[in-house]
Protein backbone atom coordinates (compact mmCIF):
# COMPACT_ATOMS: atom_id res chain seq x y z
CA MET A 1 7.05 14.13 -15.93
CA VAL A 2 4.64 13.86 -13.00
CA PHE A 3 5.17 11.75 -9.88
CA GLY A 4 2.75 10.22 -7.44
CA GLN A 5 1.37 7.28 -5.50
CA VAL A 6 -1.40 4.76 -6.05
CA VAL A 7 -2.72 4.09 -2.54
CA ILE A 8 -4.37 0.69 -2.15
CA GLY A 9 -5.11 -1.85 0.56
CA PRO A 10 -7.95 -3.77 2.24
CA PRO A 11 -10.78 -1.95 4.03
CA GLY A 12 -9.63 -0.58 7.38
CA SER A 13 -5.94 -0.50 6.46
CA GLY A 14 -5.91 3.30 6.68
CA LYS A 15 -5.84 4.48 3.05
CA THR A 16 -7.86 7.65 3.52
CA THR A 17 -6.03 8.53 6.73
CA TYR A 18 -2.77 7.87 4.88
CA CYS A 19 -3.70 10.20 2.01
CA ASN A 20 -4.68 12.91 4.46
CA GLY A 21 -1.49 12.59 6.53
CA MET A 22 0.81 12.13 3.54
CA SER A 23 -0.60 15.17 1.74
CA GLN A 24 -0.09 17.32 4.84
CA PHE A 25 3.49 16.10 5.25
CA LEU A 26 4.39 16.69 1.61
CA GLN A 27 2.97 20.20 1.74
CA LEU A 28 5.03 20.93 4.84
CA ILE A 29 8.22 20.00 2.99
CA GLY A 30 7.32 22.28 0.09
CA ARG A 31 5.51 20.13 -2.46
CA LYS A 32 2.24 20.99 -4.13
CA VAL A 33 0.00 17.97 -3.64
CA ALA A 34 -3.27 16.94 -5.25
CA VAL A 35 -5.33 14.09 -3.80
CA ILE A 36 -7.54 12.28 -6.29
CA ASN A 37 -10.37 10.30 -4.72
CA LEU A 38 -11.25 7.29 -6.90
CA ASP A 39 -13.30 5.53 -4.23
CA PRO A 40 -16.99 6.05 -5.07
CA ALA A 41 -17.95 4.70 -1.62
CA ASN A 42 -15.82 7.21 0.28
CA ASP A 43 -18.34 9.92 1.12
CA SER A 44 -16.67 11.40 4.22
CA LEU A 45 -13.28 12.67 3.12
CA PRO A 46 -10.99 14.28 5.72
CA TYR A 47 -8.95 15.94 2.99
CA GLU A 48 -9.75 18.37 0.19
CA CYS A 49 -9.57 16.42 -3.03
CA ALA A 50 -8.65 17.97 -6.35
CA VAL A 51 -10.65 15.34 -8.28
CA ASN A 52 -13.53 13.27 -6.93
CA ILE A 53 -14.95 10.27 -8.77
CA GLU A 54 -18.34 11.01 -7.21
CA ASP A 55 -18.63 13.87 -9.68
CA LEU A 56 -18.72 11.16 -12.35
CA ILE A 57 -20.42 8.21 -10.64
CA LYS A 58 -21.63 7.29 -7.15
CA LEU A 59 -21.70 3.80 -5.69
CA SER A 60 -25.07 4.38 -4.02
CA ASP A 61 -26.65 5.33 -7.37
CA VAL A 62 -25.15 2.28 -9.09
CA MET A 63 -26.39 -0.09 -6.38
CA MET A 64 -29.89 1.33 -6.56
CA GLU A 65 -30.17 1.56 -10.33
CA HIS A 66 -28.64 -1.85 -11.13
CA SER A 67 -29.62 -3.79 -7.98
CA LEU A 68 -26.00 -4.55 -7.17
CA GLY A 69 -24.27 -5.14 -3.86
CA PRO A 70 -21.25 -3.10 -2.74
CA ASN A 71 -18.68 -5.41 -4.39
CA GLY A 72 -20.46 -5.63 -7.72
CA GLY A 73 -21.16 -1.92 -7.56
CA LEU A 74 -17.48 -1.07 -7.13
CA VAL A 75 -16.52 -3.27 -10.09
CA TYR A 76 -19.15 -1.47 -12.16
CA CYS A 77 -17.80 1.93 -11.06
CA MET A 78 -14.23 1.03 -12.02
CA ASP A 79 -15.45 -0.28 -15.38
CA TYR A 80 -17.36 2.97 -15.91
CA LEU A 81 -14.29 5.02 -15.00
CA GLU A 82 -12.17 3.06 -17.46
CA LYS A 83 -14.66 3.73 -20.24
CA ASN A 84 -14.72 7.42 -19.29
CA ILE A 85 -10.99 7.83 -18.75
CA ASP A 86 -11.10 11.07 -20.78
CA TRP A 87 -13.12 12.63 -17.94
CA LEU A 88 -10.37 11.83 -15.44
CA GLN A 89 -7.55 12.90 -17.74
CA ALA A 90 -9.22 16.26 -18.39
CA ARG A 91 -9.45 16.96 -14.67
CA LEU A 92 -5.87 15.88 -14.05
CA ALA A 93 -4.48 18.02 -16.88
CA PRO A 94 -4.33 21.31 -14.88
CA LEU A 95 -2.41 19.51 -12.10
CA LEU A 96 0.32 18.03 -14.26
CA LYS A 97 2.59 21.07 -14.33
CA ASP A 98 3.59 21.22 -10.69
CA HIS A 99 1.63 18.79 -8.48
CA TYR A 100 2.53 15.52 -6.79
CA LEU A 101 -0.46 13.16 -7.12
CA LEU A 102 -2.01 10.85 -4.53
CA PHE A 103 -4.64 8.45 -5.90
CA ASP A 104 -6.97 7.13 -3.18
CA PHE A 105 -8.47 3.89 -4.51
CA PRO A 106 -11.29 1.68 -3.13
CA GLY A 107 -10.52 -1.01 -0.57
CA GLN A 108 -12.03 -3.91 -2.50
CA VAL A 109 -9.01 -6.20 -2.87
CA GLU A 110 -10.40 -7.99 -5.93
CA LEU A 111 -9.97 -4.81 -7.95
CA PHE A 112 -6.18 -5.13 -7.61
CA SER A 113 -5.67 -8.88 -7.51
CA LEU A 114 -8.29 -10.24 -9.94
CA HIS A 115 -10.12 -7.65 -12.04
CA SER A 116 -8.36 -5.59 -14.70
CA ASN A 117 -10.41 -2.36 -14.64
CA ALA A 118 -8.42 -0.50 -11.97
CA LYS A 119 -5.12 -1.64 -13.51
CA ASN A 120 -6.27 -0.47 -16.94
CA VAL A 121 -7.15 2.95 -15.54
CA ILE A 122 -3.70 3.28 -13.96
CA MET A 123 -1.87 2.10 -17.09
CA LYS A 124 -3.78 4.50 -19.34
CA LEU A 125 -2.95 7.42 -17.05
CA ILE A 126 0.73 6.43 -17.00
CA LYS A 127 0.87 6.15 -20.78
CA ASN A 128 -1.25 9.17 -21.73
CA LEU A 129 -0.08 11.61 -19.05
CA ASN A 130 3.53 10.44 -18.61
CA LEU A 131 3.07 9.69 -14.91
CA ARG A 132 5.63 8.00 -12.66
CA LEU A 133 3.61 6.14 -10.03
CA THR A 134 4.39 3.80 -7.16
CA ALA A 135 1.80 1.47 -5.65
CA VAL A 136 1.63 1.90 -1.87
CA HIS A 137 -0.09 -1.19 -0.49
CA LEU A 138 -1.21 -0.75 3.11
CA VAL A 139 -1.68 -3.73 5.42
CA ASP A 140 -2.89 -3.28 9.00
CA ALA A 141 0.05 -4.21 11.26
CA HIS A 142 -2.14 -5.95 13.83
CA LEU A 143 -2.58 -8.85 11.38
CA CYS A 144 0.94 -9.94 12.37
CA SER A 145 -0.44 -11.15 15.71
CA ASP A 146 -2.51 -13.82 13.91
CA PRO A 147 -0.33 -16.22 11.84
CA GLY A 148 -3.22 -17.22 9.57
CA LYS A 149 -4.20 -13.63 8.79
CA TYR A 150 -0.56 -12.72 8.29
CA VAL A 151 -0.15 -15.44 5.66
CA SER A 152 -3.32 -14.17 3.96
CA ALA A 153 -1.88 -10.63 3.94
CA LEU A 154 1.34 -11.93 2.37
CA LEU A 155 -0.57 -13.77 -0.34
CA LEU A 156 -2.68 -10.69 -1.06
CA SER A 157 0.43 -8.52 -1.25
CA LEU A 158 2.10 -10.93 -3.66
CA SER A 159 -0.91 -11.29 -5.95
CA THR A 160 -1.37 -7.50 -6.02
CA MET A 161 2.29 -6.94 -6.91
CA LEU A 162 2.10 -9.44 -9.77
CA HIS A 163 -1.23 -8.13 -11.04
CA LEU A 164 -0.50 -4.39 -11.03
CA GLU A 165 3.06 -4.58 -12.40
CA LEU A 166 4.03 -1.23 -10.84
CA PRO A 167 6.92 -0.16 -8.63
CA HIS A 168 5.52 -1.39 -5.33
CA VAL A 169 5.99 -0.73 -1.62
CA ASN A 170 4.16 -2.83 0.98
CA VAL A 171 3.54 -0.98 4.23
CA LEU A 172 2.59 -2.25 7.68
CA SER A 173 0.32 0.65 8.64
CA LYS A 174 -0.83 1.56 12.16
CA ILE A 175 2.48 0.17 13.41
CA ASP A 176 1.97 1.98 16.73
CA LEU A 177 -0.97 -0.41 17.39
CA ILE A 178 0.83 -3.57 16.31
CA GLU A 179 0.41 -5.46 19.61
CA ASN A 180 -3.11 -4.29 20.47
CA TYR A 181 -4.49 -7.68 19.50
CA GLY A 182 -1.79 -9.79 21.10
CA ARG A 183 1.93 -10.08 21.59
CA LEU A 184 3.95 -11.13 18.55
CA ALA A 185 5.72 -14.46 18.53
CA PHE A 186 8.81 -13.10 16.76
CA ASN A 187 10.83 -9.95 16.45
CA LEU A 188 9.44 -7.38 14.04
CA ASP A 189 12.06 -8.11 11.36
CA PHE A 190 10.55 -11.59 10.91
CA TYR A 191 7.31 -9.96 9.71
CA THR A 192 8.92 -7.20 7.64
CA ASP A 193 11.62 -9.24 5.89
CA VAL A 194 9.54 -12.42 5.24
CA GLN A 195 12.61 -14.66 5.23
CA ASP A 196 11.57 -18.06 6.61
CA LEU A 197 7.85 -18.71 7.00
CA SER A 198 8.38 -22.26 8.24
CA TYR A 199 8.59 -20.79 11.76
CA LEU A 200 4.91 -19.89 11.49
CA GLN A 201 3.93 -23.52 11.13
CA HIS A 202 4.50 -24.25 14.81
CA HIS A 203 2.11 -21.49 15.84
CA LEU A 204 -0.49 -22.46 13.29
CA ASP A 205 -0.35 -26.03 14.58
CA GLN A 206 -1.37 -24.76 18.04
CA ASP A 207 -4.65 -23.41 16.69
CA PRO A 208 -7.27 -26.15 16.20
CA ARG A 209 -9.09 -23.93 13.71
CA SER A 210 -6.17 -24.11 11.26
CA ALA A 211 -5.26 -27.78 11.75
CA LYS A 212 -7.16 -29.03 8.69
CA TYR A 213 -5.58 -26.30 6.55
CA ARG A 214 -2.03 -27.15 7.61
CA LYS A 215 -0.96 -28.57 4.24
CA LEU A 216 -2.58 -25.73 2.30
CA THR A 217 -0.91 -23.11 4.48
CA LYS A 218 2.47 -24.79 4.05
CA GLU A 219 2.10 -24.76 0.27
CA LEU A 220 1.00 -21.11 0.24
CA CYS A 221 4.01 -20.15 2.33
CA GLY A 222 6.18 -22.01 -0.17
CA VAL A 223 4.71 -20.01 -3.06
CA ILE A 224 5.37 -16.72 -1.25
CA GLU A 225 8.96 -17.69 -0.46
CA ASP A 226 9.62 -19.00 -3.98
CA PHE A 227 8.70 -15.64 -5.51
CA GLY A 228 10.79 -13.80 -2.92
CA LEU A 229 9.13 -10.48 -3.71
CA VAL A 230 7.22 -9.54 -0.58
CA ASN A 231 8.61 -7.50 2.26
CA PHE A 232 7.30 -4.58 4.30
CA THR A 233 8.30 -1.22 5.56
CA THR A 234 6.56 0.28 8.59
CA LEU A 235 4.46 3.39 9.14
CA ASP A 236 2.95 5.40 11.95
CA ILE A 237 1.14 8.13 10.00
CA GLN A 238 1.11 10.37 13.12
CA ASP A 239 4.92 10.24 13.45
CA LYS A 240 6.62 12.72 11.10
CA GLU A 241 9.91 10.80 11.23
CA SER A 242 8.14 7.59 10.19
CA VAL A 243 6.35 9.38 7.34
CA GLY A 244 9.60 11.07 6.30
CA ASN A 245 11.43 7.74 6.06
CA LEU A 246 8.65 6.33 3.90
CA VAL A 247 8.74 9.39 1.62
CA LYS A 248 12.48 8.88 1.07
CA LEU A 249 11.83 5.28 0.01
CA LEU A 250 8.95 6.23 -2.29
CA ASP A 251 10.98 9.01 -3.89
CA LYS A 252 13.55 6.42 -4.94
CA THR A 253 10.90 3.96 -6.07
CA ASN A 254 9.01 6.28 -8.43
CA GLY A 255 12.13 8.23 -9.44
CA TYR A 256 11.22 11.57 -7.90
CA ILE A 257 14.63 11.86 -6.28
CA PHE A 258 16.32 11.59 -9.69
CA ALA A 259 14.12 14.13 -11.49
CA GLY A 260 16.05 16.94 -13.11
CA MET A 261 19.43 15.44 -12.25
CA GLU A 262 22.28 15.26 -14.68
CA ALA A 263 24.70 12.77 -13.21
CA SER A 264 26.69 9.68 -14.04
CA ALA A 265 25.53 6.13 -13.44
CA VAL A 266 27.87 5.92 -10.46
CA GLU A 267 26.32 9.00 -8.82
CA PHE A 268 22.82 7.64 -9.46
CA SER A 269 23.76 4.33 -7.84
CA LYS A 270 25.09 6.13 -4.77
CA ILE A 271 21.73 7.84 -4.30
CA ALA A 272 19.73 4.70 -5.03
CA VAL A 273 21.51 2.50 -2.49
CA GLY A 274 19.78 2.22 0.88
CA ALA A 275 21.04 4.27 3.80
CA THR A 276 23.15 2.33 6.28
CA ASP A 277 20.71 3.08 9.09
CA TRP A 278 17.59 2.23 7.06
CA ASP A 279 16.88 -1.08 8.81
CA TYR A 280 17.19 0.57 12.21
CA TYR A 281 14.53 3.16 11.44
CA ARG A 282 12.33 0.67 9.59
CA VAL A 283 12.43 -2.12 12.18
CA ALA A 284 14.63 -1.79 15.27
CA GLU A 285 13.51 1.69 16.32
CA VAL A 286 9.87 0.74 15.68
CA GLN A 287 10.21 -2.35 17.87
CA GLU A 288 11.77 -0.30 20.66
CA LYS A 289 8.92 2.22 20.49
CA TYR A 290 5.84 0.09 20.08
CA MET A 291 6.53 -3.50 21.12
CA ASP A 292 6.66 -5.07 24.55
CA ASP A 293 10.20 -5.67 25.83
CA GLU A 294 9.19 -9.22 26.77
CA THR A 295 8.28 -10.17 23.20
CA LEU A 296 9.57 -13.67 22.50
CA ASN A 297 12.54 -13.77 20.15
CA PHE A 298 12.27 -17.23 18.61
CA ASN A 299 13.99 -16.09 15.44
CA ASP A 300 17.16 -14.83 17.16
């Protein structure tokens, strides 16, 4: 049984930086890690990858040969990878004995919310190689400062969760930069817990650009709340404590923490339950570190 992460998220959300930082952290705590680059457009990797899709297909070659743009080219590459899944499985085989796997996927959001190629690749690997994977969906934390963009991020997170059908953790990445684009209207827990989006309506109403979309935004918020699936944890990839807390959560999500255990259902449940101080480290401590003390607390 092999454990790992499927790292996804929009362009600029920090996927490659995450894979680099996460692999270093996991190695420091004694795990053998293999990073698998499945982004054919990622030609400047800061980490040493065990498998690189560019050995199979390159986006630049696809765009030139088939006269495709970047988006169409990426869809083609994922389709090609799916049809040549044996190539990927053969290169993963030597890693299955003792490595923890990090899959670095492209940032084109349509691959994980609309198209089936990337999902099919993941599902075939899970079935054929007996993998236990968690989707780690990164969202740039600065989007919280713009209510419209935040709602878009929520909708993307929800559609990705429903489409991939994997154990799933949404992460507000670059949390140390959360207020670089403006002070937040609410405490951080409003954005991480996604409890009552009606409070956003007031702020959206103040923006003349969103006035004509008021009804649409309200309905979208209703859809997100009705599903009740989306929430976020936080991450500063340069802070080892922040990375460590995320690793603990992921280890529960993909089952790594239970591997090799022989215990009763009661003992398993004790391990699975969240730590009593989890919300402090996920939200309160982060707010104390990175957010202005004068942040308005409308949701108190």
